[in-house]
Amino acid sequence: MDIAPSDSFEFAKGTGNVLLIACGALGREIIDLIKANRWPAFDVTCLPAKWHNTPDKITPGVRDKIRANRDNYRKIYVLYGDCGTGGLLDKMLDEEGVERIGGPHCYSFFSGNDAFAERGDEDMRALFLTDYFAQHFDKLIWQGFGLDRRSDMVDFLFANYEKVVYIAQSPTPELEAKAKAAAERLKLAYEFRHTGYGDLAAFMTERA
């Protein structure tokens, strides 16, 4: 399943009694985990992954999903990090009484939040790519930041970065090549880490 940056979708709607509200950038991994573990309780609804570039849309979008679905499910969980909302997502979730996965962003919980925090100094100047962001680098980053029109802005936008770190969930030679190419285009060093699903798998397992 290849989910595009603009995709919002619903998976197996109506068959489960627990709703997962997630970023579209996590859709493939969430569905892979549900299928691999045969978890019948979960339904999934995803908001557009391109909101990664406009985080002000995340909190109201998640709130709307909660309120539209609250009466239809025994429990609702949110699979988003803070993701640039500046604490507004957590404030809203507290008001709505809904729990989210821990961590500031998906790069952290895919890495394992504890492991990510331990490498904080080492990774302070890293740009992270997951499988999804490696696959859709052109759409989300190159075009998303207007570099397709102004490639001369690379040095300005990424001047404070030292490396691209590809944290891979299910790596393939194609994805690794895309991640390396992204690092080259941004004129940054490249590092590969196979993290798997990290804390996402543990969070879902505990609530299945």
C-alpha atoms as a PDB file:
ATOM      1  CA  MET A   1       0.000   0.000   0.000  1.00  0.00           C
ATOM      2  CA  ASP A   2       1.527   3.280  -1.122  1.00  0.00           C
ATOM      3  CA  ILE A   3      -0.090   6.269   0.586  1.00  0.00           C
ATOM      4  CA  ALA A   4       0.417   9.630  -1.074  1.00  0.00           C
ATOM      5  CA  PRO A   5       1.239  12.763   0.964  1.00  0.00           C
ATOM      6  CA  SER A   6      -2.207  14.248   0.414  1.00  0.00           C
ATOM      7  CA  ASP A   7      -4.104  11.063   1.289  1.00  0.00           C
ATOM      8  CA  SER A   8      -6.545  10.833   4.136  1.00  0.00           C
ATOM      9  CA  PHE A   9      -8.238   7.463   4.374  1.00  0.00           C
ATOM     10  CA  GLU A  10     -10.165   5.037   6.534  1.00  0.00           C
ATOM     11  CA  PHE A  11      -9.291   1.369   6.957  1.00  0.00           C
ATOM     12  CA  ALA A  12     -11.811  -1.341   7.859  1.00  0.00           C
ATOM     13  CA  LYS A  13     -14.249   1.295   9.098  1.00  0.00           C
ATOM     14  CA  GLY A  14     -17.064  -0.156  11.162  1.00  0.00           C
ATOM     15  CA  THR A  15     -15.518  -3.537  11.970  1.00  0.00           C
ATOM     16  CA  GLY A  16     -13.596  -2.609  15.121  1.00  0.00           C
ATOM     17  CA  ASN A  17     -14.420  -0.934  18.413  1.00  0.00           C
ATOM     18  CA  VAL A  18     -11.147   0.990  18.865  1.00  0.00           C
ATOM     19  CA  LEU A  19     -10.329   3.880  16.549  1.00  0.00           C
ATOM     20  CA  LEU A  20      -6.782   4.954  15.747  1.00  0.00           C
ATOM     21  CA  ILE A  21      -6.484   8.524  14.453  1.00  0.00           C
ATOM     22  CA  ALA A  22      -3.136   8.862  12.737  1.00  0.00           C
ATOM     23  CA  CYS A  23      -0.925  10.869  10.430  1.00  0.00           C
ATOM     24  CA  GLY A  24      -1.068   9.550   6.885  1.00  0.00           C
ATOM     25  CA  ALA A  25       2.717   9.142   6.971  1.00  0.00           C
ATOM     26  CA  LEU A  26       2.175   6.245   9.406  1.00  0.00           C
ATOM     27  CA  GLY A  27      -0.642   4.579   7.505  1.00  0.00           C
ATOM     28  CA  ARG A  28       1.294   1.763   5.868  1.00  0.00           C
ATOM     29  CA  GLU A  29       3.107   0.802   9.071  1.00  0.00           C
ATOM     30  CA  ILE A  30      -0.092   0.831  11.145  1.00  0.00           C
ATOM     31  CA  ILE A  31      -1.952  -1.332   8.644  1.00  0.00           C
ATOM     32  CA  ASP A  32       1.008  -3.712   8.315  1.00  0.00           C
ATOM     33  CA  LEU A  33       1.048  -4.179  12.097  1.00  0.00           C
ATOM     34  CA  ILE A  34      -2.718  -4.753  12.245  1.00  0.00           C
ATOM     35  CA  LYS A  35      -2.588  -7.360   9.488  1.00  0.00           C
ATOM     36  CA  ALA A  36       0.525  -9.114  10.800  1.00  0.00           C
ATOM     37  CA  ASN A  37      -0.909  -9.408  14.311  1.00  0.00           C
ATOM     38  CA  ARG A  38      -4.523 -10.012  13.266  1.00  0.00           C
ATOM     39  CA  TRP A  39      -5.856  -7.295  15.547  1.00  0.00           C
ATOM     40  CA  PRO A  40      -9.616  -7.111  14.824  1.00  0.00           C
ATOM     41  CA  ALA A  41     -10.364  -4.329  17.307  1.00  0.00           C
ATOM     42  CA  PHE A  42      -8.684  -1.527  15.379  1.00  0.00           C
ATOM     43  CA  ASP A  43     -10.201   0.777  12.802  1.00  0.00           C
ATOM     44  CA  VAL A  44      -7.888   3.426  11.333  1.00  0.00           C
ATOM     45  CA  THR A  45      -8.525   6.913  10.008  1.00  0.00           C
ATOM     46  CA  CYS A  46      -5.629   9.023   8.722  1.00  0.00           C
ATOM     47  CA  LEU A  47      -5.226  12.731   8.151  1.00  0.00           C
ATOM     48  CA  PRO A  48      -3.069  14.076   5.296  1.00  0.00           C
ATOM     49  CA  ALA A  49       0.646  13.509   5.698  1.00  0.00           C
ATOM     50  CA  LYS A  50       1.328  16.827   3.968  1.00  0.00           C
ATOM     51  CA  TRP A  51       0.140  18.536   7.162  1.00  0.00           C
ATOM     52  CA  HIS A  52       3.682  17.797   8.336  1.00  0.00           C
ATOM     53  CA  ASN A  53       4.477  21.122   6.635  1.00  0.00           C
ATOM     54  CA  THR A  54       1.439  22.935   8.111  1.00  0.00           C
ATOM     55  CA  PRO A  55       1.196  21.691  11.714  1.00  0.00           C
ATOM     56  CA  ASP A  56      -1.425  24.307  12.604  1.00  0.00           C
ATOM     57  CA  LYS A  57      -3.936  22.044  10.839  1.00  0.00           C
ATOM     58  CA  ILE A  58      -3.191  18.983  12.954  1.00  0.00           C
ATOM     59  CA  THR A  59      -4.900  19.888  16.238  1.00  0.00           C
ATOM     60  CA  PRO A  60      -8.254  20.981  14.772  1.00  0.00           C
ATOM     61  CA  GLY A  61      -8.167  18.089  12.313  1.00  0.00           C
ATOM     62  CA  VAL A  62      -7.637  15.513  15.053  1.00  0.00           C
ATOM     63  CA  ARG A  63     -10.279  17.169  17.254  1.00  0.00           C
ATOM     64  CA  ASP A  64     -12.821  16.978  14.434  1.00  0.00           C
ATOM     65  CA  LYS A  65     -12.088  13.268  13.975  1.00  0.00           C
ATOM     66  CA  ILE A  66     -12.501  12.617  17.697  1.00  0.00           C
ATOM     67  CA  ARG A  67     -15.816  14.408  17.919  1.00  0.00           C
ATOM     68  CA  ALA A  68     -17.170  12.825  14.734  1.00  0.00           C
ATOM     69  CA  ASN A  69     -16.360   9.309  15.947  1.00  0.00           C
ATOM     70  CA  ARG A  70     -16.615   9.365  19.743  1.00  0.00           C
ATOM     71  CA  ASP A  71     -20.068   7.759  19.893  1.00  0.00           C
ATOM     72  CA  ASN A  72     -19.074   4.949  17.532  1.00  0.00           C
ATOM     73  CA  TYR A  73     -16.100   3.526  19.439  1.00  0.00           C
ATOM     74  CA  ARG A  74     -15.291   2.113  22.844  1.00  0.00           C
ATOM     75  CA  LYS A  75     -11.919   3.868  22.794  1.00  0.00           C
ATOM     76  CA  ILE A  76      -9.990   6.319  20.619  1.00  0.00           C
ATOM     77  CA  TYR A  77      -6.206   6.659  20.462  1.00  0.00           C
ATOM     78  CA  VAL A  78      -4.121   9.193  18.548  1.00  0.00           C
ATOM     79  CA  LEU A  79      -0.981   8.179  16.679  1.00  0.00           C
ATOM     80  CA  TYR A  80       0.725  11.549  16.326  1.00  0.00           C
ATOM     81  CA  GLY A  81       3.686  13.070  18.081  1.00  0.00           C
ATOM     82  CA  ASP A  82       3.463  16.718  19.029  1.00  0.00           C
ATOM     83  CA  CYS A  83       4.608  17.246  15.428  1.00  0.00           C
ATOM     84  CA  GLY A  84       5.208  20.967  15.661  1.00  0.00           C
ATOM     85  CA  THR A  85       1.911  21.888  17.319  1.00  0.00           C
ATOM     86  CA  GLY A  86       3.751  23.508  20.224  1.00  0.00           C
ATOM     87  CA  GLY A  87       1.794  21.588  22.865  1.00  0.00           C
ATOM     88  CA  LEU A  88      -1.613  22.477  21.406  1.00  0.00           C
ATOM     89  CA  LEU A  89      -2.315  18.874  20.391  1.00  0.00           C
ATOM     90  CA  ASP A  90      -1.707  17.613  23.928  1.00  0.00           C
ATOM     91  CA  LYS A  91      -3.813  20.405  25.415  1.00  0.00           C
ATOM     92  CA  MET A  92      -6.720  19.498  23.155  1.00  0.00           C
ATOM     93  CA  LEU A  93      -6.343  15.763  23.846  1.00  0.00           C
ATOM     94  CA  ASP A  94      -6.407  16.417  27.589  1.00  0.00           C
ATOM     95  CA  GLU A  95      -9.659  18.327  27.125  1.00  0.00           C
ATOM     96  CA  GLU A  96     -11.125  15.523  25.023  1.00  0.00           C
ATOM     97  CA  GLY A  97      -9.858  12.756  27.314  1.00  0.00           C
ATOM     98  CA  VAL A  98      -7.973  10.961  24.534  1.00  0.00           C
ATOM     99  CA  GLU A  99      -4.513   9.376  24.828  1.00  0.00           C
ATOM    100  CA  ARG A 100      -1.768   9.623  22.213  1.00  0.00           C
ATOM    101  CA  ILE A 101       1.447   7.724  21.672  1.00  0.00           C
ATOM    102  CA  GLY A 102       4.356   9.263  23.552  1.00  0.00           C
ATOM    103  CA  GLY A 103       7.082  11.240  21.819  1.00  0.00           C
ATOM    104  CA  PRO A 104       7.653  14.573  20.083  1.00  0.00           C
ATOM    105  CA  HIS A 105       7.377  13.093  16.565  1.00  0.00           C
ATOM    106  CA  CYS A 106       7.411   9.848  14.607  1.00  0.00           C
ATOM    107  CA  TYR A 107      11.191   9.919  14.236  1.00  0.00           C
ATOM    108  CA  SER A 108      11.388   9.567  18.011  1.00  0.00           C
ATOM    109  CA  PHE A 109       8.864   6.792  18.540  1.00  0.00           C
ATOM    110  CA  PHE A 110      10.085   4.832  15.510  1.00  0.00           C
ATOM    111  CA  SER A 111      13.596   5.049  16.986  1.00  0.00           C
ATOM    112  CA  GLY A 112      12.279   4.287  20.466  1.00  0.00           C
ATOM    113  CA  ASN A 113      11.710   7.397  22.563  1.00  0.00           C
ATOM    114  CA  ASP A 114      14.362   6.507  25.131  1.00  0.00           C
ATOM    115  CA  ALA A 115      16.971   5.707  22.480  1.00  0.00           C
ATOM    116  CA  PHE A 116      16.134   8.885  20.569  1.00  0.00           C
ATOM    117  CA  ALA A 117      16.543  11.011  23.697  1.00  0.00           C
ATOM    118  CA  GLU A 118      19.905   9.399  24.482  1.00  0.00           C
ATOM    119  CA  ARG A 119      21.217  10.395  21.047  1.00  0.00           C
ATOM    120  CA  GLY A 120      19.908  13.943  21.318  1.00  0.00           C
ATOM    121  CA  ASP A 121      23.290  15.684  21.203  1.00  0.00           C
ATOM    122  CA  GLU A 122      24.585  13.456  18.408  1.00  0.00           C
ATOM    123  CA  ASP A 123      21.475  14.036  16.293  1.00  0.00           C
ATOM    124  CA  MET A 124      20.926  17.689  17.095  1.00  0.00           C
ATOM    125  CA  ARG A 125      21.669  18.700  13.491  1.00  0.00           C
ATOM    126  CA  ALA A 126      20.105  15.736  11.685  1.00  0.00           C
ATOM    127  CA  LEU A 127      17.278  15.678   9.172  1.00  0.00           C
ATOM    128  CA  PHE A 128      15.340  12.446   9.610  1.00  0.00           C
ATOM    129  CA  LEU A 129      13.641  10.375   6.944  1.00  0.00           C
ATOM    130  CA  THR A 130      11.324   7.436   7.590  1.00  0.00           C
ATOM    131  CA  ASP A 131      10.336   4.963   4.859  1.00  0.00           C
ATOM    132  CA  TYR A 132       7.449   7.274   4.010  1.00  0.00           C
ATOM    133  CA  PHE A 133       9.512  10.447   3.834  1.00  0.00           C
ATOM    134  CA  ALA A 134      12.243   8.727   1.823  1.00  0.00           C
ATOM    135  CA  GLN A 135       9.619   7.552  -0.662  1.00  0.00           C
ATOM    136  CA  HIS A 136       7.959  10.968  -0.908  1.00  0.00           C
ATOM    137  CA  PHE A 137      10.983  13.239  -0.435  1.00  0.00           C
ATOM    138  CA  ASP A 138      10.379  15.069  -3.720  1.00  0.00           C
ATOM    139  CA  LYS A 139       6.751  15.893  -2.922  1.00  0.00           C
ATOM    140  CA  LEU A 140       7.038  16.704   0.772  1.00  0.00           C
ATOM    141  CA  ILE A 141      10.460  18.324   1.054  1.00  0.00           C
ATOM    142  CA  TRP A 142      11.910  19.250  -2.330  1.00  0.00           C
ATOM    143  CA  GLN A 143       8.638  20.602  -3.697  1.00  0.00           C
ATOM    144  CA  GLY A 144       7.146  21.334  -0.277  1.00  0.00           C
ATOM    145  CA  PHE A 145       9.881  23.874   0.451  1.00  0.00           C
ATOM    146  CA  GLY A 146       9.894  25.223  -3.091  1.00  0.00           C
ATOM    147  CA  LEU A 147      13.332  23.830  -3.924  1.00  0.00           C
ATOM    148  CA  ASP A 148      12.075  22.616  -7.290  1.00  0.00           C
ATOM    149  CA  ARG A 149      11.776  26.301  -8.166  1.00  0.00           C
ATOM    150  CA  ARG A 150      14.709  27.674  -6.146  1.00  0.00           C
ATOM    151  CA  SER A 151      17.354  24.982  -5.726  1.00  0.00           C
ATOM    152  CA  ASP A 152      19.767  27.747  -4.761  1.00  0.00           C
ATOM    153  CA  MET A 153      17.888  27.944  -1.437  1.00  0.00           C
ATOM    154  CA  VAL A 154      19.210  24.552  -0.281  1.00  0.00           C
ATOM    155  CA  ASP A 155      22.258  26.091   1.400  1.00  0.00           C
ATOM    156  CA  PHE A 156      20.084  28.654   3.182  1.00  0.00           C
ATOM    157  CA  LEU A 157      17.329  26.274   4.366  1.00  0.00           C
ATOM    158  CA  PHE A 158      19.609  23.455   5.467  1.00  0.00           C
ATOM    159  CA  ALA A 159      22.644  25.409   6.619  1.00  0.00           C
ATOM    160  CA  ASN A 160      22.245  24.194  10.202  1.00  0.00           C
ATOM    161  CA  TYR A 161      21.993  20.517   9.293  1.00  0.00           C
ATOM    162  CA  GLU A 162      24.923  18.113   9.125  1.00  0.00           C
ATOM    163  CA  LYS A 163      23.387  14.833   8.001  1.00  0.00           C
ATOM    164  CA  VAL A 164      20.357  12.953   6.768  1.00  0.00           C
ATOM    165  CA  VAL A 165      19.475   9.987   8.975  1.00  0.00           C
ATOM    166  CA  TYR A 166      17.265   7.372   7.332  1.00  0.00           C
ATOM    167  CA  ILE A 167      15.449   5.543  10.134  1.00  0.00           C
ATOM    168  CA  ALA A 168      14.029   2.585   8.256  1.00  0.00           C
ATOM    169  CA  GLN A 169      10.967   0.541   9.146  1.00  0.00           C
ATOM    170  CA  SER A 170      10.971  -1.942   6.232  1.00  0.00           C
ATOM    171  CA  PRO A 171      13.932  -0.886   4.086  1.00  0.00           C
ATOM    172  CA  THR A 172      14.348  -1.861   0.458  1.00  0.00           C
ATOM    173  CA  PRO A 173      17.203  -1.110  -1.945  1.00  0.00           C
ATOM    174  CA  GLU A 174      14.902   1.393  -3.666  1.00  0.00           C
ATOM    175  CA  LEU A 175      14.164   3.280  -0.445  1.00  0.00           C
ATOM    176  CA  GLU A 176      17.820   3.293   0.590  1.00  0.00           C
ATOM    177  CA  ALA A 177      18.750   4.706  -2.807  1.00  0.00           C
ATOM    178  CA  LYS A 178      16.106   7.407  -2.469  1.00  0.00           C
ATOM    179  CA  ALA A 179      17.339   8.356   1.004  1.00  0.00           C
ATOM    180  CA  LYS A 180      20.958   8.547  -0.168  1.00  0.00           C
ATOM    181  CA  ALA A 181      19.913  10.651  -3.144  1.00  0.00           C
ATOM    182  CA  ALA A 182      18.030  13.005  -0.828  1.00  0.00           C
ATOM    183  CA  ALA A 183      21.156  13.499   1.281  1.00  0.00           C
ATOM    184  CA  GLU A 184      23.196  14.241  -1.836  1.00  0.00           C
ATOM    185  CA  ARG A 185      20.671  16.788  -3.095  1.00  0.00           C
ATOM    186  CA  LEU A 186      20.708  18.543   0.270  1.00  0.00           C
ATOM    187  CA  LYS A 187      24.540  18.377   0.380  1.00  0.00           C
ATOM    188  CA  LEU A 188      24.493  16.509   3.684  1.00  0.00           C
ATOM    189  CA  ALA A 189      26.178  13.394   5.045  1.00  0.00           C
ATOM    190  CA  TYR A 190      24.114  10.199   5.082  1.00  0.00           C
ATOM    191  CA  GLU A 191      23.438   7.681   7.847  1.00  0.00           C
ATOM    192  CA  PHE A 192      21.245   4.558   7.840  1.00  0.00           C
ATOM    193  CA  ARG A 193      19.521   3.044  10.895  1.00  0.00           C
ATOM    194  CA  HIS A 194      17.135   0.104  10.754  1.00  0.00           C
ATOM    195  CA  THR A 195      14.774   0.869  13.639  1.00  0.00           C
ATOM    196  CA  GLY A 196      11.730  -1.176  12.668  1.00  0.00           C
ATOM    197  CA  TYR A 197       8.446  -0.021  14.182  1.00  0.00           C
ATOM    198  CA  GLY A 198       9.936   1.039  17.526  1.00  0.00           C
ATOM    199  CA  ASP A 199       7.486   2.239  20.164  1.00  0.00           C
ATOM    200  CA  LEU A 200       4.615   2.260  17.670  1.00  0.00           C
ATOM    201  CA  ALA A 201       4.433  -1.545  17.791  1.00  0.00           C
ATOM    202  CA  ALA A 202       4.571  -1.577  21.598  1.00  0.00           C
ATOM    203  CA  PHE A 203       1.855   1.084  21.919  1.00  0.00           C
ATOM    204  CA  MET A 204      -0.506  -0.763  19.591  1.00  0.00           C
ATOM    205  CA  THR A 205       0.212  -4.150  21.188  1.00  0.00           C
ATOM    206  CA  GLU A 206      -0.716  -2.861  24.635  1.00  0.00           C
ATOM    207  CA  ARG A 207      -4.031  -1.485  23.358  1.00  0.00           C
ATOM    208  CA  ALA A 208      -5.097  -4.198  20.919  1.00  0.00           C
END
